[in-house]
C-alpha atoms as a PDB file:
ATOM      1  CA  UNK A   1     210.962 101.290 134.214  1.00  0.00           C
ATOM      2  CA  UNK A   2     212.160 104.217 132.138  1.00  0.00           C
ATOM      3  CA  UNK A   3     214.753 106.774 133.286  1.00  0.00           C
ATOM      4  CA  UNK A   4     212.091 109.517 133.523  1.00  0.00           C
ATOM      5  CA  UNK A   5     210.009 107.277 135.808  1.00  0.00           C
ATOM      6  CA  UNK A   6     212.973 106.898 138.138  1.00  0.00           C
ATOM      7  CA  UNK A   7     213.498 110.647 138.136  1.00  0.00           C
ATOM      8  CA  UNK A   8     209.840 111.333 138.938  1.00  0.00           C
ATOM      9  CA  UNK A   9     209.799 108.754 141.739  1.00  0.00           C
ATOM     10  CA  UNK A  10     212.913 110.312 143.258  1.00  0.00           C
ATOM     11  CA  UNK A  11     211.330 113.770 143.018  1.00  0.00           C
ATOM     12  CA  UNK A  12     208.339 112.381 144.879  1.00  0.00           C
ATOM     13  CA  UNK A  13     210.538 110.874 147.558  1.00  0.00           C
ATOM     14  CA  UNK A  14     212.576 114.066 147.988  1.00  0.00           C
ATOM     15  CA  UNK A  15     209.434 116.175 148.397  1.00  0.00           C
ATOM     16  CA  UNK A  16     207.926 113.652 150.798  1.00  0.00           C
ATOM     17  CA  UNK A  17     211.077 113.831 152.912  1.00  0.00           C
ATOM     18  CA  UNK A  18     210.906 117.635 152.939  1.00  0.00           C
ATOM     19  CA  UNK A  19     207.256 117.459 154.044  1.00  0.00           C
ATOM     20  CA  UNK A  20     208.304 115.201 156.898  1.00  0.00           C
ATOM     21  CA  UNK A  21     211.027 117.630 157.879  1.00  0.00           C
ATOM     22  CA  UNK A  22     208.665 120.614 157.876  1.00  0.00           C
ATOM     23  CA  UNK A  23     205.912 118.984 159.929  1.00  0.00           C
ATOM     24  CA  UNK A  24     208.329 117.362 162.366  1.00  0.00           C
ATOM     25  CA  UNK A  25     209.399 120.851 163.439  1.00  0.00           C
ATOM     26  CA  UNK A  26     205.938 122.120 164.345  1.00  0.00           C
ATOM     27  CA  UNK A  27     202.572 121.406 165.900  1.00  0.00           C
ATOM     28  CA  UNK A  28     199.147 121.532 164.327  1.00  0.00           C
ATOM     29  CA  UNK A  29     198.419 124.743 166.213  1.00  0.00           C
ATOM     30  CA  UNK A  30     201.547 126.461 164.929  1.00  0.00           C
ATOM     31  CA  UNK A  31     200.923 125.081 161.447  1.00  0.00           C
ATOM     32  CA  UNK A  32     197.447 126.643 161.399  1.00  0.00           C
ATOM     33  CA  UNK A  33     198.795 129.980 162.641  1.00  0.00           C
ATOM     34  CA  UNK A  34     201.864 130.287 160.386  1.00  0.00           C
ATOM     35  CA  UNK A  35     201.330 130.899 156.684  1.00  0.00           C
ATOM     36  CA  UNK A  36     205.010 130.263 155.957  1.00  0.00           C
ATOM     37  CA  UNK A  37     204.783 126.722 157.325  1.00  0.00           C
ATOM     38  CA  UNK A  38     201.475 126.235 155.502  1.00  0.00           C
ATOM     39  CA  UNK A  39     202.964 127.425 152.226  1.00  0.00           C
ATOM     40  CA  UNK A  40     206.049 125.238 152.593  1.00  0.00           C
ATOM     41  CA  UNK A  41     203.920 122.190 153.308  1.00  0.00           C
ATOM     42  CA  UNK A  42     201.448 122.886 150.524  1.00  0.00           C
ATOM     43  CA  UNK A  43     204.218 123.546 148.004  1.00  0.00           C
ATOM     44  CA  UNK A  44     205.958 120.282 148.836  1.00  0.00           C
ATOM     45  CA  UNK A  45     202.629 118.417 148.626  1.00  0.00           C
ATOM     46  CA  UNK A  46     202.241 119.678 145.058  1.00  0.00           C
ATOM     47  CA  UNK A  47     205.502 118.115 143.865  1.00  0.00           C
ATOM     48  CA  UNK A  48     204.537 114.443 144.363  1.00  0.00           C
ATOM     49  CA  UNK A  49     201.230 115.181 142.655  1.00  0.00           C
ATOM     50  CA  UNK A  50     202.922 116.642 139.611  1.00  0.00           C
ATOM     51  CA  UNK A  51     205.518 113.872 139.462  1.00  0.00           C
ATOM     52  CA  UNK A  52     202.912 111.125 139.965  1.00  0.00           C
ATOM     53  CA  UNK A  53     200.999 112.478 136.995  1.00  0.00           C
ATOM     54  CA  UNK A  54     204.098 112.077 134.849  1.00  0.00           C
ATOM     55  CA  UNK A  55     204.926 108.495 135.797  1.00  0.00           C
ATOM     56  CA  UNK A  56     204.189 106.208 132.869  1.00  0.00           C
ATOM     57  CA  UNK A  57     200.913 104.332 132.789  1.00  0.00           C
ATOM     58  CA  UNK A  58     202.853 101.050 132.881  1.00  0.00           C
ATOM     59  CA  UNK A  59     204.484 101.918 136.204  1.00  0.00           C
ATOM     60  CA  UNK A  60     201.255 103.216 137.708  1.00  0.00           C
ATOM     61  CA  UNK A  61     199.258 100.179 136.580  1.00  0.00           C
ATOM     62  CA  UNK A  62     201.911  97.756 137.803  1.00  0.00           C
ATOM     63  CA  UNK A  63     201.828  99.383 141.263  1.00  0.00           C
ATOM     64  CA  UNK A  64     198.160  99.830 142.171  1.00  0.00           C
ATOM     65  CA  UNK A  65     199.094  99.922 145.853  1.00  0.00           C
ATOM     66  CA  UNK A  66     200.240 103.520 145.305  1.00  0.00           C
ATOM     67  CA  UNK A  67     197.250 105.893 145.394  1.00  0.00           C
ATOM     68  CA  UNK A  68     198.241 107.670 142.155  1.00  0.00           C
ATOM     69  CA  UNK A  69     194.855 109.292 141.549  1.00  0.00           C
ATOM     70  CA  UNK A  70     194.656 110.640 145.089  1.00  0.00           C
ATOM     71  CA  UNK A  71     198.191 112.037 144.892  1.00  0.00           C
ATOM     72  CA  UNK A  72     197.532 113.836 141.608  1.00  0.00           C
ATOM     73  CA  UNK A  73     194.063 114.863 142.765  1.00  0.00           C
ATOM     74  CA  UNK A  74     195.497 116.544 145.843  1.00  0.00           C
ATOM     75  CA  UNK A  75     197.927 118.473 143.665  1.00  0.00           C
ATOM     76  CA  UNK A  76     195.083 119.695 141.448  1.00  0.00           C
ATOM     77  CA  UNK A  77     193.070 120.748 144.500  1.00  0.00           C
ATOM     78  CA  UNK A  78     195.991 122.632 146.030  1.00  0.00           C
ATOM     79  CA  UNK A  79     196.893 124.399 142.795  1.00  0.00           C
ATOM     80  CA  UNK A  80     193.477 125.157 141.345  1.00  0.00           C
ATOM     81  CA  UNK A  81     191.292 125.467 144.445  1.00  0.00           C
ATOM     82  CA  UNK A  82     193.914 127.089 146.673  1.00  0.00           C
ATOM     83  CA  UNK A  83     191.359 129.568 148.024  1.00  0.00           C
ATOM     84  CA  UNK A  84     189.346 126.812 149.722  1.00  0.00           C
ATOM     85  CA  UNK A  85     192.118 124.550 151.017  1.00  0.00           C
ATOM     86  CA  UNK A  86     191.209 122.950 154.337  1.00  0.00           C
ATOM     87  CA  UNK A  87     194.241 123.196 156.622  1.00  0.00           C
ATOM     88  CA  UNK A  88     193.020 120.261 158.713  1.00  0.00           C
ATOM     89  CA  UNK A  89     193.093 118.091 155.591  1.00  0.00           C
ATOM     90  CA  UNK A  90     196.551 119.376 154.659  1.00  0.00           C
ATOM     91  CA  UNK A  91     197.869 118.600 158.147  1.00  0.00           C
ATOM     92  CA  UNK A  92     196.294 115.123 158.148  1.00  0.00           C
ATOM     93  CA  UNK A  93     197.708 114.427 154.717  1.00  0.00           C
ATOM     94  CA  UNK A  94     201.190 115.654 155.634  1.00  0.00           C
ATOM     95  CA  UNK A  95     201.380 113.823 158.961  1.00  0.00           C
ATOM     96  CA  UNK A  96     199.464 110.592 158.303  1.00  0.00           C
ATOM     97  CA  UNK A  97     198.974 109.914 154.598  1.00  0.00           C
ATOM     98  CA  UNK A  98     202.330 111.098 153.289  1.00  0.00           C
ATOM     99  CA  UNK A  99     204.396 108.857 155.597  1.00  0.00           C
ATOM    100  CA  UNK A 100     202.350 105.851 154.445  1.00  0.00           C
ATOM    101  CA  UNK A 101     202.916 106.743 150.785  1.00  0.00           C
ATOM    102  CA  UNK A 102     206.600 107.336 151.460  1.00  0.00           C
ATOM    103  CA  UNK A 103     207.193 103.668 152.187  1.00  0.00           C
ATOM    104  CA  UNK A 104     205.511 102.676 148.906  1.00  0.00           C
ATOM    105  CA  UNK A 105     207.547 105.144 146.847  1.00  0.00           C
ATOM    106  CA  UNK A 106     210.766 104.227 148.662  1.00  0.00           C
ATOM    107  CA  UNK A 107     210.101 100.577 147.838  1.00  0.00           C
ATOM    108  CA  UNK A 108     209.692 101.444 144.133  1.00  0.00           C
ATOM    109  CA  UNK A 109     212.918 103.441 144.138  1.00  0.00           C
ATOM    110  CA  UNK A 110     214.704 100.543 145.854  1.00  0.00           C
ATOM    111  CA  UNK A 111     213.388  98.105 143.228  1.00  0.00           C
ATOM    112  CA  UNK A 112     214.827 100.315 140.521  1.00  0.00           C
ATOM    113  CA  UNK A 113     218.208 100.407 142.255  1.00  0.00           C
ATOM    114  CA  UNK A 114     218.417  96.591 142.320  1.00  0.00           C
END
């Protein structure tokens, strides 16, 4: 794994942890009513997508358990189709999907540290 790959994986993990922090402090109702919380969550969801798109093909192909295409696809949707973002999907992603991906990324980072 190259040094940039490690950096991108750590960026992903940092953003994922910030997403967890943001959503742990709120409810779905408050999330839907508060644009500041929405923006913070959406912004942090963009970071793993950008970083995942920069991970080398070798790393991505050697770890097919990580949903690379979905992570980058979400980033593209949030950035380019921001005017039609479904807040229910964002909440589901932040509270269910992101924690599942966190364990996969954390495992990759741990492998690098070995």
